[in-house]
Protein backbone atom coordinates (compact mmCIF):
# COMPACT_ATOMS: atom_id res chain seq x y z
CA UNK A 1 -40.12 7.18 -6.19
CA UNK A 2 -37.44 9.76 -7.34
CA UNK A 3 -39.00 12.76 -9.19
CA UNK A 4 -37.14 14.70 -11.88
CA UNK A 5 -37.43 18.54 -11.54
CA UNK A 6 -36.38 20.66 -14.65
CA UNK A 7 -34.85 24.04 -13.78
CA UNK A 8 -34.64 26.84 -16.38
CA UNK A 9 -31.16 27.54 -17.40
CA UNK A 10 -30.12 31.28 -16.92
CA UNK A 11 -27.25 33.34 -15.65
CA UNK A 12 -23.59 32.11 -15.36
CA UNK A 13 -22.76 28.59 -15.22
CA UNK A 14 -22.76 27.04 -11.64
CA UNK A 15 -19.81 25.04 -10.54
CA UNK A 16 -21.37 22.41 -8.33
CA UNK A 17 -18.58 21.42 -5.97
CA UNK A 18 -21.07 19.24 -3.90
CA UNK A 19 -20.86 16.60 -6.58
CA UNK A 20 -17.02 16.03 -6.00
CA UNK A 21 -17.45 13.80 -3.15
CA UNK A 22 -20.11 12.15 -0.97
CA UNK A 23 -19.89 10.73 2.52
CA UNK A 24 -20.99 7.15 3.10
CA UNK A 25 -21.03 6.21 6.86
CA UNK A 26 -18.70 3.35 7.03
CA UNK A 27 -17.10 1.42 4.15
CA UNK A 28 -18.27 -1.94 5.31
CA UNK A 29 -21.88 -1.02 4.38
CA UNK A 30 -20.89 -1.52 0.61
CA UNK A 31 -20.96 -5.30 1.30
CA UNK A 32 -24.66 -5.14 1.52
CA UNK A 33 -26.97 -5.40 -1.41
CA UNK A 34 -29.43 -2.88 -0.07
CA UNK A 35 -26.69 -0.30 0.18
CA UNK A 36 -25.47 -1.00 -3.42
CA UNK A 37 -29.12 -0.60 -4.60
CA UNK A 38 -29.23 2.89 -3.18
CA UNK A 39 -25.80 3.87 -4.48
CA UNK A 40 -26.98 3.01 -8.04
CA UNK A 41 -30.06 5.35 -7.55
CA UNK A 42 -27.83 8.13 -6.24
CA UNK A 43 -25.10 7.83 -9.01
CA UNK A 44 -27.70 7.61 -11.64
CA UNK A 45 -29.20 10.91 -10.52
CA UNK A 46 -26.16 12.91 -9.26
CA UNK A 47 -22.92 11.27 -10.61
CA UNK A 48 -20.52 11.84 -7.64
CA UNK A 49 -16.89 11.65 -8.55
CA UNK A 50 -15.60 10.26 -5.26
CA UNK A 51 -17.11 8.52 -2.33
CA UNK A 52 -15.62 8.84 1.30
CA UNK A 53 -16.21 6.58 4.12
CA UNK A 54 -15.01 5.61 7.59
CA UNK A 55 -13.57 2.25 8.81
CA UNK A 56 -11.16 1.18 5.89
CA UNK A 57 -8.98 -0.53 8.62
CA UNK A 58 -11.77 -1.49 10.88
CA UNK A 59 -12.16 -5.26 11.66
CA UNK A 60 -15.44 -5.53 9.70
CA UNK A 61 -13.43 -4.99 6.47
CA UNK A 62 -10.99 -7.46 7.78
CA UNK A 63 -7.74 -6.25 6.33
CA UNK A 64 -5.44 -6.50 9.38
CA UNK A 65 -4.80 -9.68 11.40
CA UNK A 66 -1.85 -11.01 13.28
CA UNK A 67 -0.81 -14.60 13.57
CA UNK A 68 1.36 -16.47 16.09
CA UNK A 69 4.08 -18.56 14.29
CA UNK A 70 6.93 -20.03 16.15
CA UNK A 71 6.43 -17.93 19.13
CA UNK A 72 6.43 -14.74 16.89
CA UNK A 73 3.80 -12.57 15.90
CA UNK A 74 3.39 -11.75 12.19
CA UNK A 75 1.15 -9.42 10.56
CA UNK A 76 -1.50 -10.91 8.04
CA UNK A 77 -3.33 -8.76 5.38
CA UNK A 78 -6.63 -10.15 3.92
CA UNK A 79 -7.95 -7.79 1.10
CA UNK A 80 -11.12 -10.09 0.15
CA UNK A 81 -13.74 -7.62 1.49
CA UNK A 82 -11.79 -4.42 0.50
CA UNK A 83 -11.71 -5.87 -3.17
CA UNK A 84 -15.53 -6.35 -3.11
CA UNK A 85 -15.92 -2.84 -1.82
CA UNK A 86 -13.64 -1.26 -4.24
CA UNK A 87 -15.12 -3.37 -7.20
CA UNK A 88 -18.63 -2.15 -6.18
CA UNK A 89 -17.58 1.57 -6.09
CA UNK A 90 -15.93 1.39 -9.54
CA UNK A 91 -18.74 -0.62 -11.11
CA UNK A 92 -20.95 2.43 -10.15
CA UNK A 93 -18.63 4.75 -11.72
CA UNK A 94 -17.62 6.45 -8.53
CA UNK A 95 -13.93 6.41 -7.18
CA UNK A 96 -12.91 6.00 -3.53
CA UNK A 97 -11.55 8.92 -1.50
CA UNK A 98 -9.51 6.83 1.01
CA UNK A 99 -9.74 7.81 4.71
CA UNK A 100 -6.90 5.99 6.60
CA UNK A 101 -8.73 4.86 9.73
CA UNK A 102 -9.85 3.63 12.20
CA UNK A 103 -7.52 1.52 14.32
CA UNK A 104 -7.53 -2.24 13.80
CA UNK A 105 -8.08 -4.33 17.04
CA UNK A 106 -4.57 -5.71 17.10
CA UNK A 107 -3.10 -2.29 16.79
CA UNK A 108 -5.10 -0.33 19.30
CA UNK A 109 -3.73 1.26 22.39
CA UNK A 110 -6.98 1.71 24.15
CA UNK A 111 -10.84 1.01 24.13
CA UNK A 112 -12.19 4.35 23.09
CA UNK A 113 -14.49 4.01 20.18
CA UNK A 114 -16.91 5.92 17.93
CA UNK A 115 -20.39 5.12 16.78
CA UNK A 116 -22.45 2.24 17.47
CA UNK A 117 -20.30 0.02 15.42
CA UNK A 118 -17.31 0.87 17.63
CA UNK A 119 -14.59 2.16 15.29
CA UNK A 120 -11.49 2.28 17.56
CA UNK A 121 -10.07 5.86 17.76
CA UNK A 122 -6.69 5.27 19.74
CA UNK A 123 -3.29 5.68 18.46
CA UNK A 124 -1.36 2.72 17.14
CA UNK A 125 0.58 0.50 19.56
CA UNK A 126 3.15 0.41 16.63
CA UNK A 127 3.62 3.25 14.06
CA UNK A 128 5.78 0.90 12.18
CA UNK A 129 3.04 -1.67 11.76
CA UNK A 130 0.56 0.97 10.99
CA UNK A 131 2.93 2.38 8.25
CA UNK A 132 3.28 -1.18 6.76
CA UNK A 133 -0.55 -1.62 6.80
CA UNK A 134 -1.02 1.65 4.76
CA UNK A 135 1.85 0.52 2.32
CA UNK A 136 0.46 -2.98 1.85
CA UNK A 137 -3.01 -1.61 1.25
CA UNK A 138 -2.01 0.85 -1.37
CA UNK A 139 0.29 -1.62 -3.11
CA UNK A 140 -2.50 -4.06 -3.21
CA UNK A 141 -4.90 -1.50 -4.74
CA UNK A 142 -2.27 -0.74 -7.41
CA UNK A 143 -1.68 -4.27 -8.34
CA UNK A 144 -5.55 -4.87 -8.70
CA UNK A 145 -6.66 -1.70 -10.36
CA UNK A 146 -3.56 -0.24 -11.91
CA UNK A 147 -1.28 2.68 -10.87
CA UNK A 148 -2.99 5.14 -13.30
CA UNK A 149 -6.25 4.64 -11.49
CA UNK A 150 -5.19 4.34 -8.03
CA UNK A 151 -2.99 7.42 -7.82
CA UNK A 152 -6.02 9.48 -8.83
CA UNK A 153 -7.79 8.55 -5.51
CA UNK A 154 -7.25 11.18 -2.77
CA UNK A 155 -6.02 9.99 0.63
CA UNK A 156 -6.86 11.57 3.94
CA UNK A 157 -5.23 10.61 7.21
CA UNK A 158 -8.01 9.88 9.74
CA UNK A 159 -10.91 11.90 10.42
CA UNK A 160 -11.46 15.17 12.47
CA UNK A 161 -8.91 14.46 15.29
CA UNK A 162 -10.08 17.70 17.12
CA UNK A 163 -13.17 15.89 18.31
CA UNK A 164 -13.90 12.35 19.63
CA UNK A 165 -12.78 10.73 16.42
CA UNK A 166 -9.18 10.74 17.91
CA UNK A 167 -8.53 9.68 21.59
CA UNK A 168 -4.80 10.72 21.38
CA UNK A 169 -3.29 14.19 21.63
CA UNK A 170 -3.01 16.49 18.72
CA UNK A 171 0.85 15.90 18.71
CA UNK A 172 0.05 12.14 18.27
CA UNK A 173 -2.22 12.82 15.42
CA UNK A 174 0.65 14.85 13.86
CA UNK A 175 2.95 11.83 14.20
CA UNK A 176 0.28 9.63 12.74
CA UNK A 177 0.00 12.02 9.70
CA UNK A 178 3.78 12.17 9.35
CA UNK A 179 4.36 8.35 9.39
CA UNK A 180 1.24 7.77 7.21
CA UNK A 181 2.12 10.41 4.62
CA UNK A 182 5.61 9.07 4.33
CA UNK A 183 4.32 5.55 3.88
CA UNK A 184 1.79 6.92 1.18
CA UNK A 185 4.81 8.65 -0.73
CA UNK A 186 6.90 5.61 -0.54
CA UNK A 187 4.50 3.66 -2.43
CA UNK A 188 3.98 6.44 -5.07
CA UNK A 189 4.94 10.09 -4.85
CA UNK A 190 1.94 10.98 -6.99
CA UNK A 191 -0.58 10.33 -4.41
CA UNK A 192 -2.31 13.34 -2.82
CA UNK A 193 -2.25 12.87 0.94
CA UNK A 194 -4.37 15.30 3.03
CA UNK A 195 -4.40 16.07 6.58
CA UNK A 196 -7.89 15.46 8.21
CA UNK A 197 -10.22 18.29 8.44
CA UNK A 198 -10.50 19.34 12.13
CA UNK A 199 -6.63 19.39 12.45
CA UNK A 200 -6.90 22.50 10.39
CA UNK A 201 -8.42 24.65 13.12
CA UNK A 202 -6.00 23.78 15.84
CA UNK A 203 -5.17 27.03 17.76
CA UNK A 204 -2.01 27.73 19.61
CA UNK A 205 -3.64 29.18 22.60
CA UNK A 206 -6.21 26.54 23.55
CA UNK A 207 -9.31 27.58 25.46
CA UNK A 208 -10.67 25.54 28.45
CA UNK A 209 -12.28 22.34 27.02
CA UNK A 210 -10.50 22.56 23.56
CA UNK A 211 -8.64 19.61 22.28
CA UNK A 212 -5.64 21.63 20.94
CA UNK A 213 -1.93 21.97 20.93
CA UNK A 214 -0.91 23.87 23.90
CA UNK A 215 1.71 26.72 23.31
CA UNK A 216 3.59 27.33 20.14
CA UNK A 217 2.99 29.76 17.33
CA UNK A 218 -0.46 30.73 15.79
CA UNK A 219 0.75 28.84 12.73
CA UNK A 220 2.14 25.27 12.89
CA UNK A 221 4.10 24.03 9.93
CA UNK A 222 4.95 20.53 9.70
CA UNK A 223 6.50 18.49 6.88
CA UNK A 224 8.18 15.08 6.23
CA UNK A 225 11.09 14.46 3.95
CA UNK A 226 10.26 11.22 2.26
CA UNK A 227 13.76 10.72 1.02
CA UNK A 228 13.26 10.98 -2.81
CA UNK A 229 13.10 14.70 -3.17
CA UNK A 230 9.34 15.12 -2.50
CA UNK A 231 8.24 16.78 0.70
CA UNK A 232 4.96 15.91 2.46
CA UNK A 233 3.74 18.81 4.49
CA UNK A 234 0.88 20.40 6.27
CA UNK A 235 0.25 23.87 7.39
CA UNK A 236 -2.06 23.89 10.30
CA UNK A 237 -4.11 27.19 10.28
CA UNK A 238 -7.64 28.22 10.55
CA UNK A 239 -8.77 26.36 7.41
CA UNK A 240 -11.56 27.73 5.33
CA UNK A 241 -14.05 25.64 3.23
CA UNK A 242 -12.55 24.37 0.20
CA UNK A 243 -8.97 24.77 1.28
CA UNK A 244 -6.63 21.96 0.15
CA UNK A 245 -3.73 20.78 2.09
CA UNK A 246 -1.38 18.33 0.21
């Protein structure tokens, strides 16, 4: 049973950044009653603003499928489970912090996975199909929950690509970021689209065993022009805790 502890108030106000966002394993867990019972207890005690989990595009959430029709392959999107997850978050007064990942089975280029639930961490077989998936998902969320609500949800492209969460090269991650950020901004330029933490510490002079970009300057600057006067960019440096890259 949870115990409430009263702490005397003194000194200057404390800005508790820890309540900004909580990590939650994989998003598919929110389809389980026991998980939601725990989330309710946590929210009643702490009141997190955002919740961030892996596996938005993994097959247990079931968003991406492909159908064969008349000899052609067509993408098919099913948002049934996603709606249940988002509904549950919002009912508990917590907004999603959307992590774009991992790779759906029909878009994977390899068999490398992470965790016991085997989230696929390979680059997409088609960056165009990946971009369409990102746009379709965000457009659906806006239709269901309203633009004013959904554009307030931060978006992160993948997770920590400098360790085994990403089986491609860092240049392939940067391409994924560029394509994803452009897709996000095409849906609505107000969205905040973040580079994954882990890409922030990429070093130009890679050491043996490091997964980093070889050669180049110590500071890598990347941006994509989305065609409507809004630039989406990322500066890759040695990031510090609390830094924001929009």
